[in-house]
Amino acid sequence: MSEQHPSQKVGYARVSSSGQSLDVQTDKLRKAGCHFIYSEKVSGLEQNRPQLIECLHYVRKGDTLVITKLDRMARSVLHLNTIVQKLKEKDVNLVVLDQKIDTTAALGKLTFNMVSSFAEFENDLRKERQIDGIKKAQQKGVKFGRPFKVTADIVIGVKENKDNGIAVSDTISEFKISRRTYYTIMKGAYDYLLDGKDH
């Protein structure tokens, strides 16, 4: 691609299988005035999205990233929060056409900022449910220890930490898993837990 110009619109489109067409999304992005469009055909569960990574690297201060729906870009609320934070740090706007989110407007900025709160809220609820579940089980005489139960949330969180360059030791501490479990997750042994999580 040629050298980037100031304040341009950059589009990103994704479909989940090779049998699906990107045309509907790319047509909407062109009509929205996108100068460049990054597109790829990968599952919503796929961690490796080279075009999305390149797109997020390409956009600069004052640019606007345009997508048709949030689930075309992010695979979870936590993943969305990571992207949102990256865009805010780069001072890049976000427009979501179908969901009418536009951070170039005051209301859109409010929605943009709320995404971080939603992610934190989801994380807090997950921890609360885990604590309540443990307490109830203990009241019924269940003793905790081995075996450790890996959940879909843990698999997603561990892989997102890896994508974001977070140290293995920090991830192990955050999710209270063993180093062996960490590498087992990274090898894909627990990917079956993510079935049905695709949008």
Protein backbone atom coordinates (compact mmCIF):
# COMPACT_ATOMS: atom_id res chain seq x y z
CA MET A 1 0.00 0.00 0.00
CA SER A 2 1.08 3.58 -0.58
CA GLU A 3 2.06 5.97 2.17
CA GLN A 4 -0.91 6.86 4.34
CA HIS A 5 -2.61 10.25 4.03
CA PRO A 6 -4.02 12.17 7.03
CA SER A 7 -7.56 11.60 8.26
CA GLN A 8 -8.65 8.81 5.98
CA LYS A 9 -11.25 6.11 6.36
CA VAL A 10 -9.96 2.54 6.51
CA GLY A 11 -12.32 -0.43 6.30
CA TYR A 12 -12.11 -3.94 7.72
CA ALA A 13 -14.36 -6.83 6.64
CA ARG A 14 -14.45 -10.48 7.71
CA VAL A 15 -16.50 -13.56 6.98
CA SER A 16 -16.09 -16.83 8.83
CA SER A 17 -15.66 -19.29 5.96
CA SER A 18 -14.25 -19.49 2.46
CA GLY A 19 -17.74 -20.19 1.13
CA GLN A 20 -19.08 -16.82 2.23
CA SER A 21 -18.81 -13.61 0.23
CA LEU A 22 -17.22 -10.40 1.45
CA ASP A 23 -19.08 -8.35 -1.16
CA VAL A 24 -21.91 -7.13 1.08
CA GLN A 25 -19.50 -5.79 3.69
CA THR A 26 -17.01 -4.30 1.25
CA ASP A 27 -19.81 -2.58 -0.70
CA LYS A 28 -21.04 -0.93 2.51
CA LEU A 29 -17.50 0.12 3.41
CA ARG A 30 -16.90 1.67 -0.01
CA LYS A 31 -20.17 3.59 0.20
CA ALA A 32 -19.05 4.83 3.62
CA GLY A 33 -16.02 6.39 1.93
CA CYS A 34 -13.23 3.97 2.88
CA HIS A 35 -9.94 4.64 1.09
CA PHE A 36 -8.55 1.20 1.88
CA ILE A 37 -10.30 -2.03 2.88
CA TYR A 38 -8.64 -4.93 4.66
CA SER A 39 -10.56 -8.18 4.36
CA GLU A 40 -10.15 -11.84 5.26
CA LYS A 41 -12.01 -15.13 5.53
CA VAL A 42 -11.34 -16.63 8.95
CA SER A 43 -13.47 -18.15 11.68
CA GLY A 44 -14.61 -15.96 14.56
CA LEU A 45 -12.71 -18.36 16.83
CA GLU A 46 -9.44 -18.02 14.93
CA GLN A 47 -6.79 -16.22 16.94
CA ASN A 48 -4.63 -15.38 13.95
CA ARG A 49 -6.18 -12.60 11.87
CA PRO A 50 -3.29 -11.17 9.84
CA GLN A 51 -5.40 -8.60 7.97
CA LEU A 52 -6.92 -7.22 11.18
CA ILE A 53 -3.47 -6.99 12.75
CA GLU A 54 -2.14 -5.19 9.68
CA CYS A 55 -5.15 -2.87 9.64
CA LEU A 56 -4.72 -1.90 13.30
CA HIS A 57 -1.03 -1.30 12.67
CA TYR A 58 -1.74 0.81 9.58
CA VAL A 59 -4.26 3.31 10.97
CA ARG A 60 -2.84 6.56 12.34
CA LYS A 61 -3.95 9.53 14.42
CA GLY A 62 -7.04 11.14 12.96
CA ASP A 63 -8.01 8.12 10.84
CA THR A 64 -11.36 6.36 11.13
CA LEU A 65 -11.65 2.57 11.20
CA VAL A 66 -14.95 1.50 9.63
CA ILE A 67 -16.60 -1.91 10.08
CA THR A 68 -20.13 -3.15 9.44
CA LYS A 69 -20.69 -4.90 12.79
CA LEU A 70 -18.65 -5.33 15.97
CA ASP A 71 -18.61 -9.12 15.66
CA ARG A 72 -16.83 -8.83 12.31
CA MET A 73 -13.84 -7.37 14.14
CA ALA A 74 -13.79 -8.80 17.68
CA ARG A 75 -14.26 -12.38 18.85
CA SER A 76 -15.25 -11.48 22.42
CA VAL A 77 -15.91 -8.51 24.68
CA LEU A 78 -12.38 -8.83 26.06
CA HIS A 79 -10.93 -8.84 22.55
CA LEU A 80 -13.08 -5.83 21.64
CA ASN A 81 -11.81 -3.98 24.68
CA THR A 82 -8.21 -4.66 23.64
CA ILE A 83 -8.89 -3.23 20.17
CA VAL A 84 -10.75 -0.23 21.60
CA GLN A 85 -7.86 0.60 23.89
CA LYS A 86 -5.41 0.36 21.00
CA LEU A 87 -7.52 2.69 18.85
CA LYS A 88 -7.87 5.20 21.70
CA GLU A 89 -4.11 5.18 22.26
CA LYS A 90 -3.56 5.89 18.56
CA ASP A 91 -6.34 8.52 18.53
CA VAL A 92 -8.21 6.62 15.81
CA ASN A 93 -11.99 6.90 15.47
CA LEU A 94 -14.32 3.92 15.08
CA VAL A 95 -17.48 3.72 12.99
CA VAL A 96 -19.75 0.66 13.13
CA LEU A 97 -22.25 1.05 10.31
CA ASP A 98 -25.01 -1.47 11.19
CA GLN A 99 -24.96 -0.62 14.91
CA LYS A 100 -24.72 3.13 14.31
CA ILE A 101 -21.65 3.73 16.46
CA ASP A 102 -19.62 6.75 15.41
CA THR A 103 -16.89 8.06 17.71
CA THR A 104 -16.49 11.21 15.65
CA ALA A 105 -19.73 12.35 17.34
CA ALA A 106 -20.24 13.01 21.06
CA LEU A 107 -22.67 10.11 21.59
CA GLY A 108 -20.40 7.76 19.72
CA LYS A 109 -17.47 8.70 21.92
CA LEU A 110 -19.57 7.90 24.98
CA THR A 111 -20.41 4.48 23.55
CA PHE A 112 -16.75 3.95 22.69
CA ASN A 113 -15.68 4.70 26.26
CA MET A 114 -18.40 2.47 27.69
CA VAL A 115 -16.98 -0.59 25.95
CA SER A 116 -14.12 -0.68 28.45
CA SER A 117 -16.61 -0.59 31.30
CA PHE A 118 -18.61 -3.43 29.74
CA ALA A 119 -15.49 -5.58 29.52
CA GLU A 120 -14.60 -4.86 33.15
CA PHE A 121 -18.20 -5.56 34.17
CA GLU A 122 -18.17 -8.93 32.36
CA ASN A 123 -14.88 -9.86 33.99
CA ASP A 124 -16.15 -8.93 37.47
CA LEU A 125 -19.35 -10.94 36.96
CA ARG A 126 -17.36 -13.96 35.83
CA LYS A 127 -15.17 -13.80 38.92
CA GLU A 128 -18.23 -13.35 41.18
CA ARG A 129 -19.94 -16.39 39.63
CA GLN A 130 -16.80 -18.45 40.11
CA ILE A 131 -16.51 -17.42 43.78
CA ASP A 132 -20.22 -18.07 44.45
CA GLY A 133 -19.99 -21.45 42.73
CA ILE A 134 -17.00 -22.45 44.84
CA LYS A 135 -18.70 -21.39 48.07
CA LYS A 136 -21.88 -23.34 47.25
CA ALA A 137 -19.87 -26.40 46.33
CA GLN A 138 -17.85 -26.16 49.55
CA GLN A 139 -21.07 -25.98 51.53
CA LYS A 140 -22.06 -29.27 49.91
CA GLY A 141 -18.79 -30.83 50.98
CA VAL A 142 -16.96 -30.57 47.71
CA LYS A 143 -13.20 -30.27 48.16
CA PHE A 144 -11.25 -28.22 45.67
CA GLY A 145 -7.85 -28.88 44.23
CA ARG A 146 -7.02 -31.20 41.39
CA PRO A 147 -8.33 -31.72 38.81
CA PHE A 148 -8.47 -28.12 37.63
CA LYS A 149 -11.36 -27.30 35.29
CA VAL A 150 -10.44 -25.27 32.24
CA THR A 151 -13.31 -23.12 30.93
CA ALA A 152 -13.93 -21.37 27.60
CA ASP A 153 -13.33 -17.99 29.29
CA ILE A 154 -9.91 -19.16 30.48
CA VAL A 155 -8.98 -20.44 27.02
CA ILE A 156 -10.02 -17.12 25.42
CA GLY A 157 -8.26 -15.06 28.07
CA VAL A 158 -5.01 -17.02 27.89
CA LYS A 159 -4.85 -16.77 24.11
CA GLU A 160 -5.68 -13.07 24.14
CA ASN A 161 -2.89 -12.48 26.66
CA LYS A 162 -0.51 -14.34 24.34
CA ASP A 163 -1.65 -12.17 21.39
CA ASN A 164 -1.07 -9.04 23.47
CA GLY A 165 2.44 -10.07 24.48
CA ILE A 166 1.66 -10.62 28.16
CA ALA A 167 4.28 -12.73 29.93
CA VAL A 168 3.51 -16.41 30.56
CA SER A 169 4.12 -15.99 34.31
CA ASP A 170 1.63 -13.11 34.50
CA THR A 171 -1.03 -15.10 32.63
CA ILE A 172 -0.50 -18.13 34.87
CA SER A 173 -0.93 -15.92 37.93
CA GLU A 174 -4.01 -14.14 36.51
CA PHE A 175 -5.93 -17.30 35.64
CA LYS A 176 -4.48 -19.45 38.46
CA ILE A 177 -3.38 -22.20 36.12
CA SER A 178 -0.22 -24.28 35.96
CA ARG A 179 2.49 -23.74 33.38
CA ARG A 180 1.61 -27.14 31.94
CA THR A 181 -2.05 -26.12 31.55
CA TYR A 182 -0.96 -22.88 29.87
CA TYR A 183 1.01 -24.69 27.17
CA THR A 184 -1.72 -27.31 26.78
CA ILE A 185 -4.18 -24.48 26.05
CA MET A 186 -1.77 -22.90 23.56
CA LYS A 187 -1.47 -26.23 21.72
CA GLY A 188 -5.22 -26.14 21.12
CA ALA A 189 -6.18 -29.07 23.35
CA TYR A 190 -9.09 -27.08 24.84
CA ASP A 191 -10.31 -25.39 21.66
CA TYR A 192 -13.36 -27.68 21.68
CA LEU A 193 -14.67 -25.57 24.58
CA LEU A 194 -15.01 -22.65 22.16
CA ASP A 195 -17.57 -24.43 19.96
CA GLY A 196 -20.62 -22.23 19.55
CA LYS A 197 -18.75 -19.07 20.57
CA ASP A 198 -18.41 -17.91 16.94
CA HIS A 199 -20.70 -15.05 15.92
